Amino acid sequence: MISLMDTGPATSWRRRARRSGDRDRPGGRPPWGAGARRGARRGATASDTVADERIAESLTALEDALWLLTESERTPACALENAVRRHDHVADLRRLVHRLQELLLRWEGTPP
């Protein structure tokens, strides 16, 4: 099993996380597994616009980031309680959640 702590090119983080998560995640696959990319999970249609594609890609990237954060918590060396600056990290996460909430409120207020 490959740890999330392995070093290597930045482009290989998904491969490392996927191999780590394959055995541990219910269903055996991380969220970006077969059929989950490119909007398949979100009901992509032939009439999608560039905006639909970009939004779906952004939401998928956000979901991947959340999965990676959650998965890394399962490795004691990566868990928040072992971080020296845990309060800074909590504040950063709170800031991001606030920004996501603002975005959601804007989207909910957009007419169909």
PDB file of N, CA and C in Angstrom:
ATOM      1  N   MET A   1       0.846  -1.176   0.000  1.00  0.00           N
ATOM      2  CA  MET A   1       0.000   0.000   0.000  1.00  0.00           C
ATOM      3  C   MET A   1       0.887   1.233   0.000  1.00  0.00           C
ATOM      4  N   ILE A   2       0.533   2.193  -0.797  1.00  0.00           N
ATOM      5  CA  ILE A   2       1.311   3.415  -0.899  1.00  0.00           C
ATOM      6  C   ILE A   2       0.695   4.466   0.009  1.00  0.00           C
ATOM      7  N   SER A   3       1.524   5.133   0.739  1.00  0.00           N
ATOM      8  CA  SER A   3       1.061   6.143   1.683  1.00  0.00           C
ATOM      9  C   SER A   3       0.836   7.471   0.981  1.00  0.00           C
ATOM     10  N   LEU A   4      -0.046   8.280   1.539  1.00  0.00           N
ATOM     11  CA  LEU A   4      -0.252   9.633   1.036  1.00  0.00           C
ATOM     12  C   LEU A   4       0.953  10.513   1.316  1.00  0.00           C
ATOM     13  N   MET A   5       1.859  10.029   2.158  1.00  0.00           N
ATOM     14  CA  MET A   5       3.046  10.800   2.508  1.00  0.00           C
ATOM     15  C   MET A   5       4.174  10.601   1.503  1.00  0.00           C
ATOM     16  N   ASP A   6       4.046   9.651   0.559  1.00  0.00           N
ATOM     17  CA  ASP A   6       5.096   9.417  -0.424  1.00  0.00           C
ATOM     18  C   ASP A   6       5.406  10.702  -1.174  1.00  0.00           C
ATOM     19  N   THR A   7       6.669  10.852  -1.520  1.00  0.00           N
ATOM     20  CA  THR A   7       7.051  12.004  -2.309  1.00  0.00           C
ATOM     21  C   THR A   7       7.069  11.612  -3.766  1.00  0.00           C
ATOM     22  N   GLY A   8       7.057  12.593  -4.616  1.00  0.00           N
ATOM     23  CA  GLY A   8       7.073  12.329  -6.050  1.00  0.00           C
ATOM     24  C   GLY A   8       6.502  13.514  -6.779  1.00  0.00           C
ATOM     25  N   PRO A   9       6.408  13.411  -8.101  1.00  0.00           N
ATOM     26  CA  PRO A   9       5.874  14.523  -8.876  1.00  0.00           C
ATOM     27  C   PRO A   9       4.466  14.883  -8.430  1.00  0.00           C
ATOM     28  N   ALA A  10       4.149  16.167  -8.522  1.00  0.00           N
ATOM     29  CA  ALA A  10       2.827  16.637  -8.097  1.00  0.00           C
ATOM     30  C   ALA A  10       1.716  15.952  -8.885  1.00  0.00           C
ATOM     31  N   THR A  11       1.994  15.563 -10.120  1.00  0.00           N
ATOM     32  CA  THR A  11       0.966  14.937 -10.938  1.00  0.00           C
ATOM     33  C   THR A  11       0.628  13.524 -10.493  1.00  0.00           C
ATOM     34  N   SER A  12       1.417  12.940  -9.613  1.00  0.00           N
ATOM     35  CA  SER A  12       1.152  11.562  -9.207  1.00  0.00           C
ATOM     36  C   SER A  12       0.364  11.462  -7.904  1.00  0.00           C
ATOM     37  N   TRP A  13      -0.080  12.579  -7.331  1.00  0.00           N
ATOM     38  CA  TRP A  13      -0.809  12.497  -6.055  1.00  0.00           C
ATOM     39  C   TRP A  13      -2.083  11.692  -6.192  1.00  0.00           C
ATOM     40  N   ARG A  14      -2.780  11.797  -7.331  1.00  0.00           N
ATOM     41  CA  ARG A  14      -4.009  11.034  -7.499  1.00  0.00           C
ATOM     42  C   ARG A  14      -3.722   9.548  -7.537  1.00  0.00           C
ATOM     43  N   ARG A  15      -2.652   9.178  -8.237  1.00  0.00           N
ATOM     44  CA  ARG A  15      -2.297   7.767  -8.318  1.00  0.00           C
ATOM     45  C   ARG A  15      -1.988   7.230  -6.929  1.00  0.00           C
ATOM     46  N   ARG A  16      -1.210   7.998  -6.143  1.00  0.00           N
ATOM     47  CA  ARG A  16      -0.884   7.549  -4.785  1.00  0.00           C
ATOM     48  C   ARG A  16      -2.134   7.464  -3.932  1.00  0.00           C
ATOM     49  N   ALA A  17      -2.986   8.466  -3.988  1.00  0.00           N
ATOM     50  CA  ALA A  17      -4.206   8.466  -3.182  1.00  0.00           C
ATOM     51  C   ALA A  17      -5.134   7.348  -3.634  1.00  0.00           C
ATOM     52  N   ARG A  18      -5.235   7.144  -4.952  1.00  0.00           N
ATOM     53  CA  ARG A  18      -6.113   6.108  -5.468  1.00  0.00           C
ATOM     54  C   ARG A  18      -5.640   4.741  -4.995  1.00  0.00           C
ATOM     55  N   ARG A  19      -4.327   4.487  -5.079  1.00  0.00           N
ATOM     56  CA  ARG A  19      -3.829   3.187  -4.667  1.00  0.00           C
ATOM     57  C   ARG A  19      -4.019   3.002  -3.170  1.00  0.00           C
ATOM     58  N   SER A  20      -3.838   4.069  -2.407  1.00  0.00           N
ATOM     59  CA  SER A  20      -4.038   3.985  -0.965  1.00  0.00           C
ATOM     60  C   SER A  20      -5.503   3.735  -0.650  1.00  0.00           C
ATOM     61  N   GLY A  21      -6.393   4.435  -1.347  1.00  0.00           N
ATOM     62  CA  GLY A  21      -7.815   4.360  -1.052  1.00  0.00           C
ATOM     63  C   GLY A  21      -8.514   3.156  -1.634  1.00  0.00           C
ATOM     64  N   ASP A  22      -7.924   2.510  -2.652  1.00  0.00           N
ATOM     65  CA  ASP A  22      -8.592   1.400  -3.309  1.00  0.00           C
ATOM     66  C   ASP A  22      -8.997   0.300  -2.335  1.00  0.00           C
ATOM     67  N   ARG A  23      -8.134  -0.010  -1.390  1.00  0.00           N
ATOM     68  CA  ARG A  23      -8.424  -1.112  -0.482  1.00  0.00           C
ATOM     69  C   ARG A  23      -9.261  -0.681   0.720  1.00  0.00           C
ATOM     70  N   ASP A  24      -9.179   0.589   1.070  1.00  0.00           N
ATOM     71  CA  ASP A  24      -9.783   1.047   2.325  1.00  0.00           C
ATOM     72  C   ASP A  24     -11.163   1.675   2.151  1.00  0.00           C
ATOM     73  N   ARG A  25     -11.447   2.225   1.000  1.00  0.00           N
ATOM     74  CA  ARG A  25     -12.693   2.951   0.783  1.00  0.00           C
ATOM     75  C   ARG A  25     -13.829   1.971   0.532  1.00  0.00           C
ATOM     76  N   PRO A  26     -14.994   2.207   1.132  1.00  0.00           N
ATOM     77  CA  PRO A  26     -16.143   1.360   0.824  1.00  0.00           C
ATOM     78  C   PRO A  26     -16.373   1.377  -0.692  1.00  0.00           C
ATOM     79  N   GLY A  27     -16.531   0.224  -1.279  1.00  0.00           N
ATOM     80  CA  GLY A  27     -16.674   0.138  -2.719  1.00  0.00           C
ATOM     81  C   GLY A  27     -15.335   0.004  -3.414  1.00  0.00           C
ATOM     82  N   GLY A  28     -14.219   0.246  -2.685  1.00  0.00           N
ATOM     83  CA  GLY A  28     -12.899   0.028  -3.208  1.00  0.00           C
ATOM     84  C   GLY A  28     -12.373   1.066  -4.164  1.00  0.00           C
ATOM     85  N   ARG A  29     -13.089   2.146  -4.428  1.00  0.00           N
ATOM     86  CA  ARG A  29     -12.622   3.139  -5.386  1.00  0.00           C
ATOM     87  C   ARG A  29     -12.802   4.539  -4.840  1.00  0.00           C
ATOM     88  N   PRO A  30     -11.859   5.423  -5.131  1.00  0.00           N
ATOM     89  CA  PRO A  30     -12.043   6.827  -4.783  1.00  0.00           C
ATOM     90  C   PRO A  30     -13.123   7.435  -5.667  1.00  0.00           C
ATOM     91  N   PRO A  31     -13.606   8.626  -5.348  1.00  0.00           N
ATOM     92  CA  PRO A  31     -14.739   9.205  -6.071  1.00  0.00           C
ATOM     93  C   PRO A  31     -14.465   9.475  -7.539  1.00  0.00           C
ATOM     94  N   TRP A  32     -13.202   9.537  -7.962  1.00  0.00           N
ATOM     95  CA  TRP A  32     -12.932   9.845  -9.366  1.00  0.00           C
ATOM     96  C   TRP A  32     -12.785   8.587 -10.200  1.00  0.00           C
ATOM     97  N   GLY A  33     -13.310   7.465  -9.728  1.00  0.00           N
ATOM     98  CA  GLY A  33     -13.217   6.197 -10.445  1.00  0.00           C
ATOM     99  C   GLY A  33     -13.964   6.224 -11.769  1.00  0.00           C
ATOM    100  N   ALA A  34     -13.974   5.093 -12.436  1.00  0.00           N
ATOM    101  CA  ALA A  34     -14.571   4.981 -13.762  1.00  0.00           C
ATOM    102  C   ALA A  34     -15.988   5.520 -13.772  1.00  0.00           C
ATOM    103  N   GLY A  35     -16.283   6.339 -14.748  1.00  0.00           N
ATOM    104  CA  GLY A  35     -17.618   6.895 -14.919  1.00  0.00           C
ATOM    105  C   GLY A  35     -17.897   8.114 -14.074  1.00  0.00           C
ATOM    106  N   ALA A  36     -17.013   8.462 -13.155  1.00  0.00           N
ATOM    107  CA  ALA A  36     -17.272   9.600 -12.271  1.00  0.00           C
ATOM    108  C   ALA A  36     -16.777  10.909 -12.875  1.00  0.00           C
ATOM    109  N   ARG A  37     -15.846  10.839 -13.821  1.00  0.00           N
ATOM    110  CA  ARG A  37     -15.258  12.051 -14.390  1.00  0.00           C
ATOM    111  C   ARG A  37     -16.110  12.621 -15.514  1.00  0.00           C
ATOM    112  N   ARG A  38     -15.782  13.822 -15.888  1.00  0.00           N
ATOM    113  CA  ARG A  38     -16.356  14.508 -17.035  1.00  0.00           C
ATOM    114  C   ARG A  38     -17.867  14.616 -16.969  1.00  0.00           C
ATOM    115  N   GLY A  39     -18.413  14.739 -15.765  1.00  0.00           N
ATOM    116  CA  GLY A  39     -19.828  15.006 -15.620  1.00  0.00           C
ATOM    117  C   GLY A  39     -20.728  13.787 -15.663  1.00  0.00           C
ATOM    118  N   ALA A  40     -20.198  12.585 -15.873  1.00  0.00           N
ATOM    119  CA  ALA A  40     -21.045  11.397 -15.979  1.00  0.00           C
ATOM    120  C   ALA A  40     -21.906  11.234 -14.730  1.00  0.00           C
ATOM    121  N   ARG A  41     -21.333  11.510 -13.581  1.00  0.00           N
ATOM    122  CA  ARG A  41     -22.042  11.352 -12.326  1.00  0.00           C
ATOM    123  C   ARG A  41     -23.085  12.446 -12.140  1.00  0.00           C
ATOM    124  N   ARG A  42     -22.886  13.569 -12.790  1.00  0.00           N
ATOM    125  CA  ARG A  42     -23.773  14.710 -12.590  1.00  0.00           C
ATOM    126  C   ARG A  42     -24.843  14.820 -13.678  1.00  0.00           C
ATOM    127  N   GLY A  43     -24.992  13.809 -14.509  1.00  0.00           N
ATOM    128  CA  GLY A  43     -26.057  13.825 -15.501  1.00  0.00           C
ATOM    129  C   GLY A  43     -25.763  14.714 -16.692  1.00  0.00           C
ATOM    130  N   ALA A  44     -24.557  14.677 -17.239  1.00  0.00           N
ATOM    131  CA  ALA A  44     -24.202  15.478 -18.407  1.00  0.00           C
ATOM    132  C   ALA A  44     -25.110  15.120 -19.574  1.00  0.00           C
ATOM    133  N   THR A  45     -25.472  16.127 -20.347  1.00  0.00           N
ATOM    134  CA  THR A  45     -26.329  15.917 -21.512  1.00  0.00           C
ATOM    135  C   THR A  45     -25.686  16.541 -22.739  1.00  0.00           C
ATOM    136  N   ALA A  46     -26.224  16.222 -23.901  1.00  0.00           N
ATOM    137  CA  ALA A  46     -25.712  16.752 -25.162  1.00  0.00           C
ATOM    138  C   ALA A  46     -25.915  18.265 -25.246  1.00  0.00           C
ATOM    139  N   SER A  47     -26.863  18.802 -24.503  1.00  0.00           N
ATOM    140  CA  SER A  47     -27.135  20.239 -24.571  1.00  0.00           C
ATOM    141  C   SER A  47     -26.311  21.057 -23.579  1.00  0.00           C
ATOM    142  N   ASP A  48     -25.389  20.428 -22.861  1.00  0.00           N
ATOM    143  CA  ASP A  48     -24.552  21.154 -21.902  1.00  0.00           C
ATOM    144  C   ASP A  48     -23.739  22.235 -22.600  1.00  0.00           C
ATOM    145  N   THR A  49     -23.583  23.340 -21.910  1.00  0.00           N
ATOM    146  CA  THR A  49     -22.770  24.440 -22.414  1.00  0.00           C
ATOM    147  C   THR A  49     -21.371  24.353 -21.818  1.00  0.00           C
ATOM    148  N   VAL A  50     -20.499  25.262 -22.242  1.00  0.00           N
ATOM    149  CA  VAL A  50     -19.164  25.335 -21.671  1.00  0.00           C
ATOM    150  C   VAL A  50     -19.267  25.604 -20.170  1.00  0.00           C
ATOM    151  N   ALA A  51     -20.226  26.428 -19.776  1.00  0.00           N
ATOM    152  CA  ALA A  51     -20.424  26.721 -18.351  1.00  0.00           C
ATOM    153  C   ALA A  51     -20.757  25.446 -17.577  1.00  0.00           C
ATOM    154  N   ASP A  52     -21.640  24.596 -18.142  1.00  0.00           N
ATOM    155  CA  ASP A  52     -21.977  23.328 -17.479  1.00  0.00           C
ATOM    156  C   ASP A  52     -20.740  22.465 -17.290  1.00  0.00           C
ATOM    157  N   GLU A  53     -19.917  22.379 -18.339  1.00  0.00           N
ATOM    158  CA  GLU A  53     -18.716  21.554 -18.263  1.00  0.00           C
ATOM    159  C   GLU A  53     -17.741  22.084 -17.219  1.00  0.00           C
ATOM    160  N   ARG A  54     -17.518  23.398 -17.203  1.00  0.00           N
ATOM    161  CA  ARG A  54     -16.572  23.983 -16.253  1.00  0.00           C
ATOM    162  C   ARG A  54     -17.061  23.836 -14.829  1.00  0.00           C
ATOM    163  N   ILE A  55     -18.341  24.054 -14.611  1.00  0.00           N
ATOM    164  CA  ILE A  55     -18.896  23.925 -13.262  1.00  0.00           C
ATOM    165  C   ILE A  55     -18.783  22.474 -12.797  1.00  0.00           C
ATOM    166  N   ALA A  56     -19.120  21.516 -13.677  1.00  0.00           N
ATOM    167  CA  ALA A  56     -19.023  20.101 -13.320  1.00  0.00           C
ATOM    168  C   ALA A  56     -17.572  19.731 -13.005  1.00  0.00           C
ATOM    169  N   GLU A  57     -16.627  20.233 -13.796  1.00  0.00           N
ATOM    170  CA  GLU A  57     -15.216  19.959 -13.528  1.00  0.00           C
ATOM    171  C   GLU A  57     -14.780  20.558 -12.199  1.00  0.00           C
ATOM    172  N   SER A  58     -15.236  21.773 -11.902  1.00  0.00           N
ATOM    173  CA  SER A  58     -14.876  22.416 -10.640  1.00  0.00           C
ATOM    174  C   SER A  58     -15.454  21.666  -9.453  1.00  0.00           C
ATOM    175  N   LEU A  59     -16.696  21.241  -9.563  1.00  0.00           N
ATOM    176  CA  LEU A  59     -17.321  20.489  -8.472  1.00  0.00           C
ATOM    177  C   LEU A  59     -16.636  19.139  -8.274  1.00  0.00           C
ATOM    178  N   THR A  60     -16.222  18.513  -9.364  1.00  0.00           N
ATOM    179  CA  THR A  60     -15.509  17.246  -9.257  1.00  0.00           C
ATOM    180  C   THR A  60     -14.158  17.456  -8.580  1.00  0.00           C
ATOM    181  N   ALA A  61     -13.455  18.534  -8.950  1.00  0.00           N
ATOM    182  CA  ALA A  61     -12.164  18.838  -8.319  1.00  0.00           C
ATOM    183  C   ALA A  61     -12.351  19.097  -6.825  1.00  0.00           C
ATOM    184  N   LEU A  62     -13.421  19.806  -6.465  1.00  0.00           N
ATOM    185  CA  LEU A  62     -13.713  20.065  -5.056  1.00  0.00           C
ATOM    186  C   LEU A  62     -14.001  18.756  -4.320  1.00  0.00           C
ATOM    187  N   GLU A  63     -14.785  17.901  -4.944  1.00  0.00           N
ATOM    188  CA  GLU A  63     -15.083  16.608  -4.321  1.00  0.00           C
ATOM    189  C   GLU A  63     -13.813  15.777  -4.153  1.00  0.00           C
ATOM    190  N   ASP A  64     -12.938  15.805  -5.157  1.00  0.00           N
ATOM    191  CA  ASP A  64     -11.660  15.089  -5.060  1.00  0.00           C
ATOM    192  C   ASP A  64     -10.819  15.627  -3.906  1.00  0.00           C
ATOM    193  N   ALA A  65     -10.768  16.943  -3.766  1.00  0.00           N
ATOM    194  CA  ALA A  65      -9.985  17.558  -2.686  1.00  0.00           C
ATOM    195  C   ALA A  65     -10.554  17.170  -1.321  1.00  0.00           C
ATOM    196  N   LEU A  66     -11.870  17.173  -1.199  1.00  0.00           N
ATOM    197  CA  LEU A  66     -12.491  16.774   0.068  1.00  0.00           C
ATOM    198  C   LEU A  66     -12.221  15.308   0.375  1.00  0.00           C
ATOM    199  N   TRP A  67     -12.276  14.459  -0.658  1.00  0.00           N
ATOM    200  CA  TRP A  67     -11.980  13.051  -0.445  1.00  0.00           C
ATOM    201  C   TRP A  67     -10.538  12.883   0.026  1.00  0.00           C
ATOM    202  N   LEU A  68      -9.610  13.607  -0.607  1.00  0.00           N
ATOM    203  CA  LEU A  68      -8.204  13.488  -0.244  1.00  0.00           C
ATOM    204  C   LEU A  68      -7.972  13.951   1.197  1.00  0.00           C
ATOM    205  N   LEU A  69      -8.603  15.061   1.599  1.00  0.00           N
ATOM    206  CA  LEU A  69      -8.474  15.518   2.987  1.00  0.00           C
ATOM    207  C   LEU A  69      -9.035  14.487   3.962  1.00  0.00           C
ATOM    208  N   THR A  70     -10.187  13.955   3.646  1.00  0.00           N
ATOM    209  CA  THR A  70     -10.817  12.962   4.514  1.00  0.00           C
ATOM    210  C   THR A  70      -9.982  11.691   4.582  1.00  0.00           C
ATOM    211  N   GLU A  71      -9.489  11.259   3.428  1.00  0.00           N
ATOM    212  CA  GLU A  71      -8.685  10.041   3.384  1.00  0.00           C
ATOM    213  C   GLU A  71      -7.375  10.221   4.143  1.00  0.00           C
ATOM    214  N   SER A  72      -6.761  11.398   4.027  1.00  0.00           N
ATOM    215  CA  SER A  72      -5.486  11.613   4.709  1.00  0.00           C
ATOM    216  C   SER A  72      -5.655  11.595   6.225  1.00  0.00           C
ATOM    217  N   GLU A  73      -6.834  11.929   6.712  1.00  0.00           N
ATOM    218  CA  GLU A  73      -7.103  11.875   8.154  1.00  0.00           C
ATOM    219  C   GLU A  73      -6.997  10.454   8.688  1.00  0.00           C
ATOM    220  N   ARG A  74      -7.152   9.473   7.811  1.00  0.00           N
ATOM    221  CA  ARG A  74      -7.079   8.076   8.235  1.00  0.00           C
ATOM    222  C   ARG A  74      -5.649   7.632   8.508  1.00  0.00           C
ATOM    223  N   THR A  75      -4.682   8.413   8.041  1.00  0.00           N
ATOM    224  CA  THR A  75      -3.273   8.114   8.281  1.00  0.00           C
ATOM    225  C   THR A  75      -2.833   8.955   9.474  1.00  0.00           C
ATOM    226  N   PRO A  76      -2.498   8.354  10.601  1.00  0.00           N
ATOM    227  CA  PRO A  76      -2.190   9.126  11.808  1.00  0.00           C
ATOM    228  C   PRO A  76      -1.171  10.246  11.604  1.00  0.00           C
ATOM    229  N   ALA A  77      -0.151  10.014  10.800  1.00  0.00           N
ATOM    230  CA  ALA A  77       0.865  11.047  10.595  1.00  0.00           C
ATOM    231  C   ALA A  77       0.289  12.272   9.888  1.00  0.00           C
ATOM    232  N   CYS A  78      -0.812  12.092   9.159  1.00  0.00           N
ATOM    233  CA  CYS A  78      -1.423  13.196   8.405  1.00  0.00           C
ATOM    234  C   CYS A  78      -2.616  13.816   9.120  1.00  0.00           C
ATOM    235  N   ALA A  79      -3.046  13.226  10.206  1.00  0.00           N
ATOM    236  CA  ALA A  79      -4.249  13.678  10.894  1.00  0.00           C
ATOM    237  C   ALA A  79      -4.044  15.061  11.517  1.00  0.00           C
ATOM    238  N   LEU A  80      -5.119  15.811  11.584  1.00  0.00           N
ATOM    239  CA  LEU A  80      -5.070  17.180  12.097  1.00  0.00           C
ATOM    240  C   LEU A  80      -4.490  17.252  13.503  1.00  0.00           C
ATOM    241  N   GLU A  81      -4.803  16.277  14.339  1.00  0.00           N
ATOM    242  CA  GLU A  81      -4.309  16.358  15.718  1.00  0.00           C
ATOM    243  C   GLU A  81      -2.788  16.293  15.801  1.00  0.00           C
ATOM    244  N   ASN A  82      -2.122  15.892  14.727  1.00  0.00           N
ATOM    245  CA  ASN A  82      -0.662  15.857  14.717  1.00  0.00           C
ATOM    246  C   ASN A  82      -0.044  17.076  14.051  1.00  0.00           C
ATOM    247  N   ALA A  83      -0.857  18.008  13.621  1.00  0.00           N
ATOM    248  CA  ALA A  83      -0.359  19.223  12.983  1.00  0.00           C
ATOM    249  C   ALA A  83       0.033  20.246  14.047  1.00  0.00           C
ATOM    250  N   VAL A  84       1.105  20.944  13.811  1.00  0.00           N
ATOM    251  CA  VAL A  84       1.557  21.982  14.746  1.00  0.00           C
ATOM    252  C   VAL A  84       0.663  23.218  14.629  1.00  0.00           C
ATOM    253  N   ARG A  85       0.235  23.530  13.403  1.00  0.00           N
ATOM    254  CA  ARG A  85      -0.580  24.725  13.171  1.00  0.00           C
ATOM    255  C   ARG A  85      -2.052  24.372  12.960  1.00  0.00           C
ATOM    256  N   ARG A  86      -2.588  23.458  13.774  1.00  0.00           N
ATOM    257  CA  ARG A  86      -3.960  22.989  13.559  1.00  0.00           C
ATOM    258  C   ARG A  86      -4.985  24.114  13.596  1.00  0.00           C
ATOM    259  N   HIS A  87      -4.784  25.109  14.447  1.00  0.00           N
ATOM    260  CA  HIS A  87      -5.748  26.219  14.523  1.00  0.00           C
ATOM    261  C   HIS A  87      -5.736  27.036  13.230  1.00  0.00           C
ATOM    262  N   ASP A  88      -4.561  27.191  12.622  1.00  0.00           N
ATOM    263  CA  ASP A  88      -4.477  27.880  11.329  1.00  0.00           C
ATOM    264  C   ASP A  88      -5.225  27.091  10.257  1.00  0.00           C
ATOM    265  N   HIS A  89      -5.066  25.771  10.277  1.00  0.00           N
ATOM    266  CA  HIS A  89      -5.727  24.935   9.277  1.00  0.00           C
ATOM    267  C   HIS A  89      -7.248  24.963   9.451  1.00  0.00           C
ATOM    268  N   VAL A  90      -7.695  24.950  10.684  1.00  0.00           N
ATOM    269  CA  VAL A  90      -9.137  25.035  10.948  1.00  0.00           C
ATOM    270  C   VAL A  90      -9.665  26.388  10.470  1.00  0.00           C
ATOM    271  N   ALA A  91      -8.929  27.449  10.732  1.00  0.00           N
ATOM    272  CA  ALA A  91      -9.346  28.781  10.274  1.00  0.00           C
ATOM    273  C   ALA A  91      -9.399  28.837   8.746  1.00  0.00           C
ATOM    274  N   ASP A  92      -8.412  28.233   8.071  1.00  0.00           N
ATOM    275  CA  ASP A  92      -8.414  28.200   6.605  1.00  0.00           C
ATOM    276  C   ASP A  92      -9.603  27.418   6.071  1.00  0.00           C
ATOM    277  N   LEU A  93      -9.895  26.271   6.683  1.00  0.00           N
ATOM    278  CA  LEU A  93     -11.041  25.484   6.252  1.00  0.00           C
ATOM    279  C   LEU A  93     -12.338  26.247   6.484  1.00  0.00           C
ATOM    280  N   ARG A  94     -12.443  26.926   7.620  1.00  0.00           N
ATOM    281  CA  ARG A  94     -13.638  27.725   7.911  1.00  0.00           C
ATOM    282  C   ARG A  94     -13.818  28.818   6.852  1.00  0.00           C
ATOM    283  N   ARG A  95     -12.715  29.455   6.448  1.00  0.00           N
ATOM    284  CA  ARG A  95     -12.760  30.489   5.418  1.00  0.00           C
ATOM    285  C   ARG A  95     -13.263  29.913   4.086  1.00  0.00           C
ATOM    286  N   LEU A  96     -12.753  28.720   3.726  1.00  0.00           N
ATOM    287  CA  LEU A  96     -13.188  28.084   2.478  1.00  0.00           C
ATOM    288  C   LEU A  96     -14.661  27.674   2.538  1.00  0.00           C
ATOM    289  N   VAL A  97     -15.089  27.137   3.668  1.00  0.00           N
ATOM    290  CA  VAL A  97     -16.493  26.754   3.822  1.00  0.00           C
ATOM    291  C   VAL A  97     -17.380  27.994   3.704  1.00  0.00           C
ATOM    292  N   HIS A  98     -16.948  29.103   4.284  1.00  0.00           N
ATOM    293  CA  HIS A  98     -17.708  30.351   4.180  1.00  0.00           C
ATOM    294  C   HIS A  98     -17.824  30.790   2.719  1.00  0.00           C
ATOM    295  N   ARG A  99     -16.714  30.709   1.984  1.00  0.00           N
ATOM    296  CA  ARG A  99     -16.747  31.075   0.561  1.00  0.00           C
ATOM    297  C   ARG A  99     -17.672  30.146  -0.222  1.00  0.00           C
ATOM    298  N   LEU A 100     -17.648  28.860   0.103  1.00  0.00           N
ATOM    299  CA  LEU A 100     -18.549  27.918  -0.559  1.00  0.00           C
ATOM    300  C   LEU A 100     -20.013  28.230  -0.233  1.00  0.00           C
ATOM    301  N   GLN A 101     -20.261  28.603   1.004  1.00  0.00           N
ATOM    302  CA  GLN A 101     -21.632  28.963   1.390  1.00  0.00           C
ATOM    303  C   GLN A 101     -22.107  30.196   0.623  1.00  0.00           C
ATOM    304  N   GLU A 102     -21.239  31.193   0.494  1.00  0.00           N
ATOM    305  CA  GLU A 102     -21.594  32.387  -0.277  1.00  0.00           C
ATOM    306  C   GLU A 102     -21.884  32.035  -1.734  1.00  0.00           C
ATOM    307  N   LEU A 103     -21.066  31.166  -2.318  1.00  0.00           N
ATOM    308  CA  LEU A 103     -21.278  30.732  -3.693  1.00  0.00           C
ATOM    309  C   LEU A 103     -22.611  29.991  -3.826  1.00  0.00           C
ATOM    310  N   LEU A 104     -22.897  29.094  -2.903  1.00  0.00           N
ATOM    311  CA  LEU A 104     -24.153  28.351  -2.929  1.00  0.00           C
ATOM    312  C   LEU A 104     -25.352  29.293  -2.844  1.00  0.00           C
ATOM    313  N   LEU A 105     -25.277  30.266  -1.958  1.00  0.00           N
ATOM    314  CA  LEU A 105     -26.379  31.227  -1.833  1.00  0.00           C
ATOM    315  C   LEU A 105     -26.586  32.018  -3.125  1.00  0.00           C
ATOM    316  N   ARG A 106     -25.475  32.394  -3.774  1.00  0.00           N
ATOM    317  CA  ARG A 106     -25.586  33.096  -5.067  1.00  0.00           C
ATOM    318  C   ARG A 106     -26.225  32.192  -6.114  1.00  0.00           C
ATOM    319  N   TRP A 107     -25.781  30.944  -6.164  1.00  0.00           N
ATOM    320  CA  TRP A 107     -26.336  30.002  -7.159  1.00  0.00           C
ATOM    321  C   TRP A 107     -27.805  29.729  -6.889  1.00  0.00           C
ATOM    322  N   GLU A 108     -28.168  29.600  -5.629  1.00  0.00           N
ATOM    323  CA  GLU A 108     -29.580  29.341  -5.308  1.00  0.00           C
ATOM    324  C   GLU A 108     -30.464  30.536  -5.671  1.00  0.00           C
ATOM    325  N   GLY A 109     -29.876  31.728  -5.676  1.00  0.00           N
ATOM    326  CA  GLY A 109     -30.640  32.918  -6.021  1.00  0.00           C
ATOM    327  C   GLY A 109     -30.670  33.209  -7.512  1.00  0.00           C
ATOM    328  N   THR A 110     -29.970  32.400  -8.308  1.00  0.00           N
ATOM    329  CA  THR A 110     -29.950  32.598  -9.759  1.00  0.00           C
ATOM    330  C   THR A 110     -31.200  32.006 -10.367  1.00  0.00           C
ATOM    331  N   PRO A 111     -31.914  32.799 -11.175  1.00  0.00           N
ATOM    332  CA  PRO A 111     -33.147  32.257 -11.782  1.00  0.00           C
ATOM    333  C   PRO A 111     -32.827  31.107 -12.741  1.00  0.00           C
ATOM    334  N   PRO A 112     -33.744  30.154 -12.852  1.00  0.00           N
ATOM    335  CA  PRO A 112     -33.518  29.002 -13.747  1.00  0.00           C
ATOM    336  C   PRO A 112     -33.476  29.381 -15.215  1.00  0.00           C
TER     337      PRO A 112
END
